Amino acid sequence: MDIDSELLPVKLPIFTLQPIIENAIKHGISHMLRQGKIRVSAGRNDNGITIMVEDNAGKFTNPSDRKGLGLNIVDKRIKNLYGDRYGVEISCVPDKQTLVSILLPAK
């Protein structure tokens, strides 16, 4: 974990991290023959607070350009609470890395 200590008191919407970390394990590193790693980091930037969950499996697939159910629920919850500017983004380098970024307001 690499969390900016100033962000430790920040409260997240319920079930924000749990489904994302669960996906990184269940759909990512559990399918690897080599050692799997999950890194959680968070920091502030000009856009707000960014929380990142990264795994070294790179197994994310985007069926029909839709997010998985858990990721979709997290994204919708954040957008409902804070607006369309915030939410979940996913990038993947196959067999190397899946990175889920969660953007929240700085307040």
N, C-alpha and C. Protein backbone atom coordinates (compact mmCIF):
# COMPACT_ATOMS: atom_id res chain seq x y z
N MET A 1 0.84 -1.18 0.00
CA MET A 1 0.00 0.00 0.00
C MET A 1 0.88 1.24 0.00
N ASP A 2 0.41 2.23 -0.69
CA ASP A 2 1.08 3.52 -0.74
C ASP A 2 -0.01 4.59 -0.65
N ILE A 3 -0.37 4.94 0.59
CA ILE A 3 -1.47 5.87 0.84
C ILE A 3 -0.90 7.15 1.45
N ASP A 4 -1.21 8.29 0.84
CA ASP A 4 -0.82 9.58 1.40
C ASP A 4 -1.41 9.68 2.80
N SER A 5 -0.58 9.91 3.81
CA SER A 5 -1.05 9.91 5.20
C SER A 5 -2.14 10.97 5.45
N GLU A 6 -2.16 12.03 4.66
CA GLU A 6 -3.20 13.04 4.82
C GLU A 6 -4.58 12.51 4.41
N LEU A 7 -4.60 11.42 3.66
CA LEU A 7 -5.87 10.86 3.18
C LEU A 7 -6.44 9.79 4.11
N LEU A 8 -5.70 9.38 5.10
CA LEU A 8 -6.16 8.31 5.98
C LEU A 8 -7.50 8.62 6.67
N PRO A 9 -7.79 9.88 7.05
CA PRO A 9 -9.09 10.14 7.67
C PRO A 9 -10.26 10.24 6.68
N VAL A 10 -9.99 10.23 5.38
CA VAL A 10 -11.04 10.37 4.37
C VAL A 10 -11.93 9.12 4.38
N LYS A 11 -13.24 9.34 4.40
CA LYS A 11 -14.20 8.24 4.38
C LYS A 11 -14.63 7.98 2.94
N LEU A 12 -14.66 6.70 2.59
CA LEU A 12 -15.08 6.28 1.26
C LEU A 12 -16.54 5.84 1.31
N PRO A 13 -17.24 5.95 0.18
CA PRO A 13 -18.57 5.36 0.13
C PRO A 13 -18.47 3.86 0.41
N ILE A 14 -19.47 3.31 1.06
CA ILE A 14 -19.49 1.91 1.43
C ILE A 14 -19.25 1.02 0.21
N PHE A 15 -18.51 -0.06 0.41
CA PHE A 15 -18.20 -1.05 -0.62
C PHE A 15 -17.57 -0.45 -1.87
N THR A 16 -16.66 0.48 -1.68
CA THR A 16 -15.91 1.03 -2.81
C THR A 16 -14.71 0.16 -3.13
N LEU A 17 -13.89 -0.13 -2.15
CA LEU A 17 -12.67 -0.90 -2.39
C LEU A 17 -12.89 -2.40 -2.41
N GLN A 18 -13.78 -2.91 -1.59
CA GLN A 18 -13.95 -4.36 -1.45
C GLN A 18 -14.19 -5.07 -2.78
N PRO A 19 -15.14 -4.65 -3.61
CA PRO A 19 -15.37 -5.39 -4.86
C PRO A 19 -14.20 -5.25 -5.85
N ILE A 20 -13.49 -4.15 -5.79
CA ILE A 20 -12.38 -3.95 -6.72
C ILE A 20 -11.20 -4.83 -6.33
N ILE A 21 -10.89 -4.90 -5.04
CA ILE A 21 -9.81 -5.77 -4.59
C ILE A 21 -10.21 -7.23 -4.78
N GLU A 22 -11.47 -7.56 -4.50
CA GLU A 22 -11.96 -8.92 -4.73
C GLU A 22 -11.79 -9.32 -6.19
N ASN A 23 -12.12 -8.42 -7.12
CA ASN A 23 -11.95 -8.71 -8.55
C ASN A 23 -10.48 -8.93 -8.90
N ALA A 24 -9.60 -8.13 -8.32
CA ALA A 24 -8.17 -8.28 -8.60
C ALA A 24 -7.68 -9.66 -8.17
N ILE A 25 -8.24 -10.17 -7.09
CA ILE A 25 -7.86 -11.52 -6.63
C ILE A 25 -8.56 -12.58 -7.47
N LYS A 26 -9.88 -12.53 -7.51
CA LYS A 26 -10.68 -13.59 -8.13
C LYS A 26 -10.46 -13.71 -9.64
N HIS A 27 -10.43 -12.58 -10.33
CA HIS A 27 -10.33 -12.60 -11.79
C HIS A 27 -8.91 -12.31 -12.28
N GLY A 28 -8.01 -11.99 -11.35
CA GLY A 28 -6.65 -11.63 -11.73
C GLY A 28 -5.62 -12.59 -11.20
N ILE A 29 -5.08 -12.29 -10.03
CA ILE A 29 -3.90 -13.01 -9.56
C ILE A 29 -4.17 -14.47 -9.21
N SER A 30 -5.42 -14.86 -8.96
CA SER A 30 -5.68 -16.26 -8.63
C SER A 30 -5.45 -17.17 -9.84
N HIS A 31 -5.35 -16.61 -11.03
CA HIS A 31 -5.14 -17.38 -12.25
C HIS A 31 -3.67 -17.43 -12.67
N MET A 32 -2.80 -16.87 -11.85
CA MET A 32 -1.40 -16.78 -12.22
C MET A 32 -0.60 -17.96 -11.70
N LEU A 33 0.42 -18.35 -12.45
CA LEU A 33 1.36 -19.36 -11.98
C LEU A 33 2.49 -18.70 -11.19
N ARG A 34 2.85 -17.49 -11.58
CA ARG A 34 3.89 -16.75 -10.84
C ARG A 34 3.23 -15.98 -9.69
N GLN A 35 4.06 -15.34 -8.87
CA GLN A 35 3.55 -14.61 -7.71
C GLN A 35 2.67 -13.43 -8.14
N GLY A 36 1.48 -13.37 -7.57
CA GLY A 36 0.59 -12.26 -7.83
C GLY A 36 0.78 -11.16 -6.82
N LYS A 37 0.61 -9.93 -7.29
CA LYS A 37 0.73 -8.77 -6.40
C LYS A 37 -0.42 -7.81 -6.66
N ILE A 38 -0.91 -7.25 -5.57
CA ILE A 38 -1.93 -6.21 -5.65
C ILE A 38 -1.39 -5.01 -4.89
N ARG A 39 -1.44 -3.85 -5.54
CA ARG A 39 -0.95 -2.61 -4.92
C ARG A 39 -2.12 -1.64 -4.83
N VAL A 40 -2.33 -1.09 -3.64
CA VAL A 40 -3.37 -0.07 -3.43
C VAL A 40 -2.64 1.22 -3.10
N SER A 41 -2.96 2.27 -3.84
CA SER A 41 -2.34 3.57 -3.60
C SER A 41 -3.41 4.65 -3.69
N ALA A 42 -3.11 5.79 -3.06
CA ALA A 42 -4.04 6.91 -3.09
C ALA A 42 -3.27 8.21 -2.94
N GLY A 43 -3.74 9.22 -3.64
CA GLY A 43 -3.12 10.53 -3.54
C GLY A 43 -4.06 11.61 -4.04
N ARG A 44 -3.69 12.84 -3.78
CA ARG A 44 -4.45 14.00 -4.26
C ARG A 44 -3.82 14.49 -5.56
N ASN A 45 -4.67 15.02 -6.42
CA ASN A 45 -4.20 15.70 -7.62
C ASN A 45 -5.17 16.84 -7.92
N ASP A 46 -4.98 17.51 -9.03
CA ASP A 46 -5.82 18.66 -9.38
C ASP A 46 -7.29 18.28 -9.56
N ASN A 47 -7.56 17.02 -9.88
CA ASN A 47 -8.92 16.57 -10.13
C ASN A 47 -9.65 16.10 -8.89
N GLY A 48 -8.92 15.82 -7.81
CA GLY A 48 -9.53 15.31 -6.59
C GLY A 48 -8.62 14.29 -5.93
N ILE A 49 -9.22 13.23 -5.43
CA ILE A 49 -8.49 12.13 -4.80
C ILE A 49 -8.58 10.94 -5.74
N THR A 50 -7.43 10.35 -6.04
CA THR A 50 -7.40 9.17 -6.89
C THR A 50 -6.93 7.98 -6.06
N ILE A 51 -7.72 6.94 -6.08
CA ILE A 51 -7.37 5.67 -5.44
C ILE A 51 -7.13 4.67 -6.56
N MET A 52 -6.02 3.96 -6.49
CA MET A 52 -5.68 3.00 -7.54
C MET A 52 -5.48 1.61 -6.96
N VAL A 53 -6.05 0.63 -7.63
CA VAL A 53 -5.84 -0.78 -7.29
C VAL A 53 -5.23 -1.41 -8.54
N GLU A 54 -4.02 -1.91 -8.37
CA GLU A 54 -3.26 -2.44 -9.50
C GLU A 54 -2.86 -3.88 -9.21
N ASP A 55 -3.03 -4.75 -10.21
CA ASP A 55 -2.53 -6.11 -10.07
C ASP A 55 -1.57 -6.41 -11.22
N ASN A 56 -0.76 -7.43 -11.04
CA ASN A 56 0.23 -7.77 -12.06
C ASN A 56 -0.21 -8.95 -12.93
N ALA A 57 -1.53 -9.20 -12.98
CA ALA A 57 -2.04 -10.30 -13.79
C ALA A 57 -2.43 -9.85 -15.20
N GLY A 58 -3.04 -8.69 -15.30
CA GLY A 58 -3.47 -8.20 -16.61
C GLY A 58 -4.52 -9.08 -17.26
N LYS A 59 -5.46 -9.55 -16.46
CA LYS A 59 -6.48 -10.48 -16.96
C LYS A 59 -7.83 -9.81 -17.22
N PHE A 60 -7.93 -8.50 -17.08
CA PHE A 60 -9.21 -7.82 -17.26
C PHE A 60 -9.66 -7.94 -18.71
N THR A 61 -10.91 -8.33 -18.88
CA THR A 61 -11.53 -8.32 -20.20
C THR A 61 -12.77 -7.46 -20.10
N ASN A 62 -13.08 -6.79 -21.16
CA ASN A 62 -14.19 -5.86 -21.17
C ASN A 62 -15.27 -6.37 -22.13
N PRO A 63 -16.11 -7.32 -21.67
CA PRO A 63 -17.11 -7.88 -22.57
C PRO A 63 -18.10 -6.82 -23.03
N SER A 64 -18.22 -6.67 -24.34
CA SER A 64 -19.16 -5.72 -24.93
C SER A 64 -18.99 -4.31 -24.40
N ASP A 65 -17.75 -3.93 -24.08
CA ASP A 65 -17.45 -2.60 -23.56
C ASP A 65 -18.25 -2.26 -22.31
N ARG A 66 -18.54 -3.26 -21.48
CA ARG A 66 -19.23 -3.02 -20.21
C ARG A 66 -18.29 -3.39 -19.07
N LYS A 67 -18.42 -2.67 -17.98
CA LYS A 67 -17.69 -3.02 -16.77
C LYS A 67 -18.39 -4.20 -16.12
N GLY A 68 -17.67 -4.97 -15.32
CA GLY A 68 -18.28 -6.05 -14.58
C GLY A 68 -19.31 -5.50 -13.60
N LEU A 69 -20.15 -6.36 -13.11
CA LEU A 69 -21.23 -5.94 -12.23
C LEU A 69 -20.72 -5.17 -11.02
N GLY A 70 -19.72 -5.71 -10.30
CA GLY A 70 -19.20 -5.03 -9.11
C GLY A 70 -18.62 -3.67 -9.44
N LEU A 71 -17.82 -3.60 -10.51
CA LEU A 71 -17.23 -2.33 -10.91
C LEU A 71 -18.29 -1.34 -11.35
N ASN A 72 -19.30 -1.84 -12.04
CA ASN A 72 -20.39 -0.98 -12.51
C ASN A 72 -21.16 -0.38 -11.34
N ILE A 73 -21.41 -1.19 -10.30
CA ILE A 73 -22.12 -0.69 -9.12
C ILE A 73 -21.31 0.37 -8.41
N VAL A 74 -19.99 0.14 -8.25
CA VAL A 74 -19.12 1.13 -7.61
C VAL A 74 -19.13 2.43 -8.42
N ASP A 75 -18.99 2.32 -9.73
CA ASP A 75 -18.97 3.51 -10.59
C ASP A 75 -20.28 4.29 -10.48
N LYS A 76 -21.41 3.59 -10.54
CA LYS A 76 -22.71 4.26 -10.45
C LYS A 76 -22.91 4.92 -9.09
N ARG A 77 -22.47 4.24 -8.02
CA ARG A 77 -22.63 4.81 -6.68
C ARG A 77 -21.85 6.11 -6.56
N ILE A 78 -20.61 6.12 -7.06
CA ILE A 78 -19.78 7.33 -6.98
C ILE A 78 -20.39 8.45 -7.82
N LYS A 79 -20.83 8.13 -9.02
CA LYS A 79 -21.45 9.15 -9.89
C LYS A 79 -22.73 9.70 -9.26
N ASN A 80 -23.53 8.84 -8.63
CA ASN A 80 -24.76 9.30 -7.97
C ASN A 80 -24.46 10.22 -6.80
N LEU A 81 -23.39 9.92 -6.07
CA LEU A 81 -23.04 10.74 -4.91
C LEU A 81 -22.37 12.05 -5.28
N TYR A 82 -21.48 12.01 -6.30
CA TYR A 82 -20.61 13.16 -6.55
C TYR A 82 -20.72 13.77 -7.95
N GLY A 83 -21.40 13.11 -8.88
CA GLY A 83 -21.53 13.64 -10.23
C GLY A 83 -20.74 12.84 -11.24
N ASP A 84 -21.06 13.06 -12.51
CA ASP A 84 -20.47 12.29 -13.60
C ASP A 84 -18.98 12.50 -13.78
N ARG A 85 -18.45 13.54 -13.21
CA ARG A 85 -17.01 13.82 -13.32
C ARG A 85 -16.18 12.76 -12.58
N TYR A 86 -16.79 12.09 -11.60
CA TYR A 86 -16.10 11.14 -10.74
C TYR A 86 -16.52 9.72 -11.09
N GLY A 87 -15.71 8.77 -10.65
CA GLY A 87 -16.07 7.38 -10.89
C GLY A 87 -14.86 6.49 -11.10
N VAL A 88 -15.10 5.38 -11.81
CA VAL A 88 -14.11 4.32 -11.99
C VAL A 88 -13.64 4.28 -13.44
N GLU A 89 -12.33 4.12 -13.60
CA GLU A 89 -11.73 3.90 -14.92
C GLU A 89 -10.83 2.68 -14.83
N ILE A 90 -10.75 1.93 -15.91
CA ILE A 90 -9.96 0.70 -15.93
C ILE A 90 -9.05 0.71 -17.14
N SER A 91 -7.79 0.33 -16.91
CA SER A 91 -6.87 0.12 -18.02
C SER A 91 -6.20 -1.22 -17.81
N CYS A 92 -5.81 -1.85 -18.91
CA CYS A 92 -5.20 -3.17 -18.82
C CYS A 92 -4.13 -3.33 -19.88
N VAL A 93 -3.00 -3.85 -19.46
CA VAL A 93 -1.95 -4.32 -20.36
C VAL A 93 -2.00 -5.84 -20.22
N PRO A 94 -2.50 -6.55 -21.23
CA PRO A 94 -2.72 -7.99 -21.09
C PRO A 94 -1.49 -8.73 -20.57
N ASP A 95 -1.75 -9.61 -19.60
CA ASP A 95 -0.74 -10.46 -18.95
C ASP A 95 0.34 -9.67 -18.21
N LYS A 96 0.11 -8.37 -17.98
CA LYS A 96 1.09 -7.57 -17.24
C LYS A 96 0.46 -6.77 -16.11
N GLN A 97 -0.66 -6.07 -16.39
CA GLN A 97 -1.20 -5.16 -15.39
C GLN A 97 -2.66 -4.84 -15.66
N THR A 98 -3.45 -4.82 -14.60
CA THR A 98 -4.77 -4.22 -14.63
C THR A 98 -4.76 -3.12 -13.58
N LEU A 99 -5.21 -1.93 -13.97
CA LEU A 99 -5.22 -0.77 -13.08
C LEU A 99 -6.64 -0.21 -13.04
N VAL A 100 -7.21 -0.19 -11.84
CA VAL A 100 -8.52 0.41 -11.61
C VAL A 100 -8.29 1.71 -10.85
N SER A 101 -8.73 2.82 -11.43
CA SER A 101 -8.59 4.14 -10.81
C SER A 101 -9.97 4.63 -10.39
N ILE A 102 -10.05 5.11 -9.16
CA ILE A 102 -11.28 5.65 -8.63
C ILE A 102 -11.04 7.13 -8.33
N LEU A 103 -11.80 7.99 -8.98
CA LEU A 103 -11.66 9.43 -8.76
C LEU A 103 -12.81 9.90 -7.87
N LEU A 104 -12.43 10.56 -6.77
CA LEU A 104 -13.40 11.12 -5.83
C LEU A 104 -13.11 12.60 -5.64
N PRO A 105 -14.11 13.38 -5.21
CA PRO A 105 -13.83 14.79 -4.95
C PRO A 105 -12.86 14.95 -3.79
N ALA A 106 -12.14 16.06 -3.77
CA ALA A 106 -11.13 16.30 -2.74
C ALA A 106 -11.75 16.59 -1.38
N LYS A 107 -13.00 16.95 -1.31
CA LYS A 107 -13.64 17.30 -0.04
C LYS A 107 -13.99 16.07 0.75
